[in-house]
Amino acid sequence: MPKDPAPITVQAPAKINLTLAVLGRRSDGFHEIESWVVKLAWYDRLTIAPARELSLRLDSEANGLAADDTNLVLRAARALALAEEANRPPEAAIALEKHIPIGAGLGGGSSDAAAALRSLNELWGLHWGIERLQAVAARIGSDVPLFVDPAPAVVIRGRGERVEPLSTSPRCWVAVVVPAYSISTADVYRAVDAREVPRRTGAQPWAEPSRSAAQLQSGLFNDLQEAAMAIEPRLAGLIARLDGLDGRRVHMTGSGSCLFALFADRSEARMWAHAAQTAAGQSIRIEVVEML
């Protein structure tokens, strides 16, 4: 009698958007974007084991996360099982240890879904390549395909489904500022539609030679930040308190609510994080992590 495959445990990293350009609204209702994304050494953890049905157990620090059909991990498992040529029951016992905040612009849910796809691809013996898994990932969520690719830094285009892995990644430490509230991505994009967003042509800082954290700061941007500040005044107030603190710029990742600042080393990042915590008060938490 064949032995069941051993359980698989994988890490699912967070990400930040170093740049995010909104290029317009597409005919399918999504927005055309171009974004330079780097992954962080800040992880959720998934363990996936053989089973006779699909289940999800949560061990979560995040409020508002449910082990139901709204969870991207379960949606990923079902999407892969139903994909052409897989056509199998979605049988697996999945345990998700959640550390990355949800609704924060860090991509935690998308990363979890991608980790589930990669692990189930192995557990079920499908042996599909990255591009094939990314086609399934694109049906789950716009950020899921970028996490299927193992590259630590990528450029994403379209609505996020077109992923270009980069051969190099900045070597920086990141102080991630986590407010106590989340921001709806859909609300931010609706606010973008009502605003005049500057058109950026030829801005591709990822193509420039490797630079220090301080040099990188001047080339970073996020076309969603003004819209997010408009719909969430607390975010605008937080940015006003922290941007420029000790000469350091802060930027928003994704559609918010998290902010980040870049540093050359861990000690520099931790010193700034202490000053930022004092300036902003206990309404935020700050994680100091390294780029992958």
Protein backbone atom coordinates (compact mmCIF):
# COMPACT_ATOMS: atom_id res chain seq x y z
CA MET A 1 0.00 0.00 0.00
CA PRO A 2 1.55 3.37 -1.05
CA LYS A 3 2.65 5.58 1.80
CA ASP A 4 1.08 9.04 2.14
CA PRO A 5 3.41 11.95 1.32
CA ALA A 6 4.97 13.66 4.33
CA PRO A 7 3.47 16.98 5.49
CA ILE A 8 5.00 20.06 3.86
CA THR A 9 5.84 23.20 5.85
CA VAL A 10 6.62 26.41 3.99
CA GLN A 11 7.10 30.08 4.79
CA ALA A 12 5.03 32.78 3.07
CA PRO A 13 6.83 36.17 3.02
CA ALA A 14 5.40 39.67 3.23
CA LYS A 15 6.17 42.26 0.55
CA ILE A 16 6.41 45.99 0.09
CA ASN A 17 5.88 48.03 -3.07
CA LEU A 18 8.92 50.25 -3.56
CA THR A 19 7.14 51.89 -6.49
CA LEU A 20 3.52 51.67 -7.62
CA ALA A 21 2.29 53.48 -10.71
CA VAL A 22 -1.40 53.50 -11.67
CA LEU A 23 -1.53 53.73 -15.46
CA GLY A 24 -5.30 53.85 -15.95
CA ARG A 25 -8.49 51.80 -15.75
CA ARG A 26 -8.84 48.71 -17.92
CA SER A 27 -11.88 47.56 -19.85
CA ASP A 28 -12.31 44.65 -17.40
CA GLY A 29 -12.73 47.10 -14.50
CA PHE A 30 -9.29 46.52 -12.99
CA HIS A 31 -6.52 49.13 -13.00
CA GLU A 32 -3.36 48.87 -15.07
CA ILE A 33 -0.38 49.11 -12.75
CA GLU A 34 3.39 48.85 -12.81
CA SER A 35 5.07 48.12 -9.49
CA TRP A 36 8.51 47.24 -8.14
CA VAL A 37 7.95 44.71 -5.36
CA VAL A 38 10.44 43.24 -2.89
CA LYS A 39 9.81 40.44 -0.42
CA LEU A 40 10.62 40.65 3.28
CA ALA A 41 11.96 38.25 5.89
CA TRP A 42 8.63 38.43 7.72
CA TYR A 43 6.59 35.28 7.31
CA ASP A 44 3.38 33.40 7.76
CA ARG A 45 3.85 29.63 7.98
CA LEU A 46 1.76 26.92 6.31
CA THR A 47 1.81 23.20 7.01
CA ILE A 48 -0.05 21.04 4.50
CA ALA A 49 -0.67 17.33 5.00
CA PRO A 50 -2.56 14.59 3.15
CA ALA A 51 -6.21 14.21 4.15
CA ARG A 52 -9.52 12.88 2.87
CA GLU A 53 -11.12 16.32 2.77
CA LEU A 54 -10.09 19.98 2.66
CA SER A 55 -9.71 21.77 5.99
CA LEU A 56 -7.99 24.88 7.32
CA ARG A 57 -6.88 25.46 10.92
CA LEU A 58 -5.85 28.99 11.93
CA ASP A 59 -3.30 30.07 14.49
CA SER A 60 -3.54 33.80 13.96
CA GLU A 61 -2.36 37.08 15.41
CA ALA A 62 -4.66 38.88 12.94
CA ASN A 63 -8.21 39.93 13.74
CA GLY A 64 -10.87 39.45 11.09
CA LEU A 65 -9.39 36.32 9.47
CA ALA A 66 -11.75 33.38 9.01
CA ALA A 67 -11.26 29.75 8.00
CA ASP A 68 -14.09 29.91 5.47
CA ASP A 69 -14.56 30.48 1.75
CA THR A 70 -13.30 34.07 2.06
CA ASN A 71 -9.84 32.75 2.97
CA LEU A 72 -7.46 32.84 -0.01
CA VAL A 73 -5.74 29.63 1.09
CA LEU A 74 -8.93 27.60 0.71
CA ARG A 75 -9.75 29.38 -2.55
CA ALA A 76 -6.28 28.51 -3.85
CA ALA A 77 -6.68 24.83 -2.95
CA ARG A 78 -10.04 24.60 -4.69
CA ALA A 79 -8.82 26.54 -7.75
CA LEU A 80 -5.85 24.21 -8.21
CA ALA A 81 -7.97 21.08 -7.72
CA LEU A 82 -10.47 22.28 -10.33
CA ALA A 83 -7.84 23.48 -12.82
CA GLU A 84 -7.67 21.78 -16.18
CA GLU A 85 -5.70 18.52 -16.06
CA ALA A 86 -5.58 18.49 -12.25
CA ASN A 87 -9.30 17.66 -11.90
CA ARG A 88 -9.09 16.07 -8.48
CA PRO A 89 -10.77 16.43 -5.09
CA PRO A 90 -9.28 19.26 -2.99
CA GLU A 91 -8.01 16.96 -0.25
CA ALA A 92 -5.56 18.43 2.26
CA ALA A 93 -5.31 19.46 5.91
CA ILE A 94 -3.85 22.96 6.02
CA ALA A 95 -2.62 24.77 9.13
CA LEU A 96 -1.91 28.49 8.80
CA GLU A 97 0.24 30.27 11.38
CA LYS A 98 -0.49 33.94 10.68
CA HIS A 99 1.90 36.77 11.61
CA ILE A 100 1.59 39.26 8.73
CA PRO A 101 -1.19 41.83 9.35
CA ILE A 102 -4.19 41.67 7.03
CA GLY A 103 -5.52 44.63 5.04
CA ALA A 104 -2.16 46.34 5.40
CA GLY A 105 -0.64 46.36 1.90
CA LEU A 106 1.89 43.65 2.82
CA GLY A 107 0.36 40.91 0.65
CA GLY A 108 0.06 38.34 3.44
CA GLY A 109 -3.12 36.69 2.20
CA SER A 110 -1.82 36.54 -1.38
CA SER A 111 1.48 35.09 -0.18
CA ASP A 112 -0.39 32.43 1.82
CA ALA A 113 -2.41 31.49 -1.27
CA ALA A 114 0.74 31.21 -3.40
CA ALA A 115 2.43 29.08 -0.74
CA ALA A 116 -0.61 26.80 -0.75
CA LEU A 117 -0.47 26.46 -4.54
CA ARG A 118 3.22 25.57 -4.53
CA SER A 119 2.84 23.09 -1.68
CA LEU A 120 -0.27 21.39 -3.07
CA ASN A 121 1.43 21.16 -6.45
CA GLU A 122 4.08 19.03 -4.68
CA LEU A 123 1.73 17.14 -2.35
CA TRP A 124 -0.60 16.14 -5.18
CA GLY A 125 2.27 15.23 -7.53
CA LEU A 126 1.18 17.63 -10.27
CA HIS A 127 4.71 18.87 -11.10
CA TRP A 128 3.47 22.05 -12.73
CA GLY A 129 5.89 24.85 -13.56
CA ILE A 130 5.77 28.44 -12.31
CA GLU A 131 3.90 29.87 -15.30
CA ARG A 132 1.19 27.26 -15.07
CA LEU A 133 0.73 27.89 -11.35
CA GLN A 134 0.68 31.64 -11.98
CA ALA A 135 -2.23 31.20 -14.40
CA VAL A 136 -4.21 29.60 -11.57
CA ALA A 137 -2.94 32.23 -9.12
CA ALA A 138 -4.23 35.10 -11.30
CA ARG A 139 -7.78 33.79 -10.84
CA ILE A 140 -7.47 34.02 -7.06
CA GLY A 141 -6.11 37.55 -6.64
CA SER A 142 -3.98 40.15 -8.39
CA ASP A 143 -0.98 39.81 -6.04
CA VAL A 144 -0.93 36.01 -5.89
CA PRO A 145 1.17 35.42 -9.07
CA LEU A 146 4.09 37.51 -7.80
CA PHE A 147 4.44 35.24 -4.76
CA VAL A 148 4.41 32.08 -6.89
CA ASP A 149 7.71 33.27 -8.39
CA PRO A 150 10.58 32.58 -5.94
CA ALA A 151 12.52 35.72 -6.95
CA PRO A 152 12.97 38.14 -4.01
CA ALA A 153 12.32 41.16 -6.24
CA VAL A 154 9.92 41.44 -9.19
CA VAL A 155 8.18 43.99 -11.35
CA ILE A 156 4.47 43.38 -11.80
CA ARG A 157 2.34 44.77 -14.62
CA GLY A 158 -1.21 44.50 -15.94
CA ARG A 159 -3.44 44.08 -12.88
CA GLY A 160 -0.54 42.22 -11.24
CA GLU A 161 -0.68 38.97 -13.21
CA ARG A 162 2.36 39.76 -15.40
CA VAL A 163 5.45 39.11 -13.28
CA GLU A 164 9.03 39.92 -14.28
CA PRO A 165 11.60 38.49 -11.85
CA LEU A 166 14.63 40.72 -11.27
CA SER A 167 18.18 39.39 -11.04
CA THR A 168 19.09 41.68 -8.15
CA SER A 169 17.32 43.01 -5.08
CA PRO A 170 18.23 45.97 -2.83
CA ARG A 171 20.02 44.94 0.34
CA CYS A 172 18.24 47.04 2.94
CA TRP A 173 16.60 46.82 6.30
CA VAL A 174 13.01 47.99 6.52
CA ALA A 175 11.07 49.55 9.38
CA VAL A 176 7.42 48.67 8.70
CA VAL A 177 4.92 50.91 10.50
CA VAL A 178 1.69 49.02 11.21
CA PRO A 179 -1.34 51.17 12.18
CA ALA A 180 -4.17 49.68 14.21
CA TYR A 181 -6.57 49.98 11.24
CA SER A 182 -6.79 48.56 7.73
CA ILE A 183 -7.83 50.27 4.51
CA SER A 184 -10.08 48.79 1.82
CA THR A 185 -8.22 48.32 -1.46
CA ALA A 186 -11.45 48.78 -3.42
CA ASP A 187 -12.14 52.09 -1.65
CA VAL A 188 -8.63 53.34 -2.42
CA TYR A 189 -8.95 52.54 -6.12
CA ARG A 190 -12.34 54.24 -6.26
CA ALA A 191 -10.74 57.31 -4.70
CA VAL A 192 -7.96 57.15 -7.31
CA ASP A 193 -10.56 57.22 -10.08
CA ALA A 194 -11.91 60.48 -8.66
CA ARG A 195 -8.46 62.11 -8.50
CA GLU A 196 -5.93 63.38 -10.98
CA VAL A 197 -2.99 60.96 -10.84
CA PRO A 198 0.26 62.17 -12.45
CA ARG A 199 1.36 60.11 -15.43
CA ARG A 200 4.81 58.63 -14.95
CA THR A 201 6.79 57.89 -18.08
CA GLY A 202 10.10 56.06 -18.08
CA ALA A 203 10.36 55.82 -14.27
CA GLN A 204 12.06 52.45 -13.78
CA PRO A 205 14.34 52.73 -10.73
CA TRP A 206 14.69 48.93 -10.56
CA ALA A 207 16.78 49.12 -13.76
CA GLU A 208 19.35 51.47 -12.19
CA PRO A 209 22.59 50.25 -10.59
CA SER A 210 22.35 49.08 -6.99
CA ARG A 211 22.16 52.02 -4.60
CA SER A 212 22.18 52.60 -0.86
CA ALA A 213 19.01 52.84 1.19
CA ALA A 214 19.39 56.62 1.40
CA GLN A 215 19.81 56.92 -2.37
CA LEU A 216 16.84 54.66 -3.05
CA GLN A 217 14.48 56.86 -1.02
CA SER A 218 14.35 59.67 -3.57
CA GLY A 219 13.10 57.41 -6.37
CA LEU A 220 10.24 55.72 -4.51
CA PHE A 221 6.58 56.58 -5.09
CA ASN A 222 3.07 55.19 -4.71
CA ASP A 223 0.21 56.61 -6.80
CA LEU A 224 -2.31 55.22 -4.28
CA GLN A 225 -0.94 57.10 -1.28
CA GLU A 226 -2.77 60.42 -1.76
CA ALA A 227 -6.07 58.60 -2.30
CA ALA A 228 -5.54 56.46 0.81
CA MET A 229 -4.76 59.56 2.87
CA ALA A 230 -7.93 61.23 1.59
CA ILE A 231 -10.20 58.39 2.72
CA GLU A 232 -8.34 57.68 5.98
CA PRO A 233 -7.40 60.91 7.82
CA ARG A 234 -5.57 58.94 10.53
CA LEU A 235 -3.11 57.73 7.88
CA ALA A 236 -2.56 61.30 6.68
CA GLY A 237 -1.84 62.37 10.26
CA LEU A 238 0.58 59.47 10.80
CA ILE A 239 2.52 60.30 7.64
CA ALA A 240 2.69 63.95 8.70
CA ARG A 241 4.27 62.90 12.02
CA LEU A 242 6.76 60.40 10.60
CA ASP A 243 7.78 61.62 7.14
CA GLY A 244 11.11 63.37 7.53
CA LEU A 245 11.72 62.12 11.08
CA ASP A 246 15.51 61.98 11.54
CA GLY A 247 15.82 62.83 7.84
CA ARG A 248 14.05 59.65 6.72
CA ARG A 249 11.18 59.48 4.21
CA VAL A 250 8.25 57.14 4.78
CA HIS A 251 6.21 55.56 2.00
CA MET A 252 3.00 53.55 1.86
CA THR A 253 3.02 49.96 0.60
CA GLY A 254 0.25 48.70 -1.68
CA SER A 255 -3.09 50.34 -0.93
CA GLY A 256 -2.14 50.77 2.76
CA SER A 257 -2.35 50.99 5.63
CA CYS A 258 1.29 50.10 6.37
CA LEU A 259 4.15 52.54 5.86
CA PHE A 260 7.86 51.80 5.55
CA ALA A 261 11.28 53.43 5.66
CA LEU A 262 14.57 52.01 4.36
CA PHE A 263 17.89 51.69 6.19
CA ALA A 264 21.41 50.46 5.57
CA ASP A 265 21.53 48.19 8.62
CA ARG A 266 19.45 46.80 11.46
CA SER A 267 20.77 49.08 14.19
CA GLU A 268 19.95 52.20 12.16
CA ALA A 269 16.45 50.87 11.50
CA ARG A 270 15.86 50.05 15.17
CA MET A 271 17.01 53.52 16.29
CA TRP A 272 14.55 55.14 13.87
CA ALA A 273 11.79 52.74 14.94
CA HIS A 274 12.26 53.81 18.57
CA ALA A 275 12.02 57.50 17.59
CA ALA A 276 8.98 56.79 15.39
CA GLN A 277 7.22 54.90 18.19
CA THR A 278 7.77 57.88 20.49
CA ALA A 279 6.48 60.32 17.86
CA ALA A 280 3.39 58.28 16.91
CA GLY A 281 2.48 56.75 20.26
CA GLN A 282 1.13 53.32 21.08
CA SER A 283 -1.47 53.38 18.29
CA ILE A 284 1.11 51.78 15.97
CA ARG A 285 3.55 48.89 16.04
CA ILE A 286 6.82 48.78 14.14
CA GLU A 287 8.51 45.70 12.75
CA VAL A 288 12.17 45.85 11.69
CA VAL A 289 12.86 43.23 9.01
CA GLU A 290 15.35 42.58 6.23
CA MET A 291 14.66 42.49 2.52
CA LEU A 292 15.14 39.03 1.00
